[in-house]
Amino acid sequence: MDDLETAMGGAPDTASDVARPFNFRPLQAADLPMLHGWLSRPHWTQWWGPAPTLAEVQADYGAWINDPAQVQPHIANPAQSPRKPNLR
């Protein structure tokens, strides 16, 4: 078992666990509320501090989205459909 397998809790059970394709697409303004939800999750704020406001996410990431000279953020997701967080 290699370091990655150990970190992930052991070796994969099946071949399908090994080869899950991911798609990458550029982050869009319409994604920012979803990103805000992710950045507001307790496990994120535990390590990174208070969650940013939606306006802060829009200002920070919107600048990257709108400036092609900047590094372009992307969304990685399986099956082309990122899950929306359950914010109950």
Protein backbone atom coordinates (compact mmCIF):
# COMPACT_ATOMS: atom_id res chain seq x y z
CA MET A 1 0.00 0.00 0.00
CA ASP A 2 1.45 3.40 -0.94
CA ASP A 3 1.20 6.69 0.98
CA LEU A 4 -1.87 7.84 -0.96
CA GLU A 5 -3.72 4.60 -0.28
CA THR A 6 -2.85 4.87 3.40
CA ALA A 7 -4.07 8.46 3.52
CA MET A 8 -7.30 7.48 1.78
CA GLY A 9 -8.02 4.67 4.24
CA GLY A 10 -6.65 1.69 2.35
CA ALA A 11 -6.47 0.24 -1.10
CA PRO A 12 -9.47 0.68 -3.42
CA ASP A 13 -11.98 -2.17 -3.35
CA THR A 14 -12.63 -2.38 -7.09
CA ALA A 15 -11.22 -1.17 -10.36
CA SER A 16 -14.08 1.33 -10.59
CA ASP A 17 -12.83 2.93 -7.36
CA VAL A 18 -9.49 3.60 -9.05
CA ALA A 19 -10.64 5.13 -12.33
CA ARG A 20 -13.29 7.71 -11.57
CA PRO A 21 -13.08 10.35 -14.29
CA PHE A 22 -13.19 13.97 -13.33
CA ASN A 23 -14.06 16.88 -15.54
CA PHE A 24 -12.55 20.32 -15.16
CA ARG A 25 -14.34 23.44 -16.31
CA PRO A 26 -13.63 27.12 -15.76
CA LEU A 27 -15.27 28.66 -12.71
CA GLN A 28 -18.18 30.88 -13.74
CA ALA A 29 -19.99 33.69 -11.93
CA ALA A 30 -23.02 31.40 -11.60
CA ASP A 31 -20.85 29.01 -9.52
CA LEU A 32 -20.01 31.59 -6.85
CA PRO A 33 -23.05 30.95 -4.59
CA MET A 34 -22.17 27.22 -4.63
CA LEU A 35 -18.52 28.02 -3.88
CA HIS A 36 -19.65 30.29 -1.04
CA GLY A 37 -21.62 27.36 0.36
CA TRP A 38 -18.57 25.11 0.21
CA LEU A 39 -16.40 27.74 1.92
CA SER A 40 -19.03 28.07 4.67
CA ARG A 41 -18.93 24.39 5.62
CA PRO A 42 -17.86 23.68 9.23
CA HIS A 43 -14.89 21.51 8.23
CA TRP A 44 -13.54 24.38 6.09
CA THR A 45 -14.05 27.13 8.65
CA GLN A 46 -12.50 24.97 11.37
CA TRP A 47 -9.14 25.24 9.59
CA TRP A 48 -9.40 28.48 7.62
CA GLY A 49 -11.39 30.72 9.95
CA PRO A 50 -14.70 32.50 9.48
CA ALA A 51 -16.49 31.91 6.21
CA PRO A 52 -16.30 34.71 3.68
CA THR A 53 -19.49 36.51 2.78
CA LEU A 54 -20.99 35.94 -0.64
CA ALA A 55 -19.91 39.47 -1.56
CA GLU A 56 -16.30 38.62 -0.60
CA VAL A 57 -16.37 35.43 -2.68
CA GLN A 58 -17.81 37.38 -5.62
CA ALA A 59 -15.11 40.06 -5.28
CA ASP A 60 -12.20 37.62 -4.88
CA TYR A 61 -13.13 35.00 -7.46
CA GLY A 62 -14.96 37.38 -9.78
CA ALA A 63 -11.70 39.25 -10.31
CA TRP A 64 -10.05 36.02 -11.45
CA ILE A 65 -12.98 35.00 -13.63
CA ASN A 66 -13.09 38.38 -15.38
CA ASP A 67 -9.34 38.79 -15.98
CA PRO A 68 -7.92 36.36 -18.55
CA ALA A 69 -4.39 37.41 -17.52
CA GLN A 70 -4.96 35.80 -14.09
CA VAL A 71 -4.70 32.13 -13.27
CA GLN A 72 -8.15 30.78 -14.07
CA PRO A 73 -9.88 28.83 -11.28
CA HIS A 74 -11.67 25.65 -12.29
CA ILE A 75 -14.33 23.37 -10.85
CA ALA A 76 -13.44 19.68 -10.80
CA ASN A 77 -16.34 17.30 -10.62
CA PRO A 78 -17.31 13.70 -11.35
CA ALA A 79 -19.92 13.06 -14.00
CA GLN A 80 -20.05 16.75 -14.96
CA SER A 81 -22.33 17.60 -12.05
CA PRO A 82 -20.98 19.11 -8.83
CA ARG A 83 -23.21 18.51 -5.86
CA LYS A 84 -24.72 21.49 -4.14
CA PRO A 85 -23.97 21.50 -0.42
CA ASN A 86 -26.68 20.66 2.05
CA LEU A 87 -26.69 23.80 4.18
CA ARG A 88 -29.30 22.83 6.74
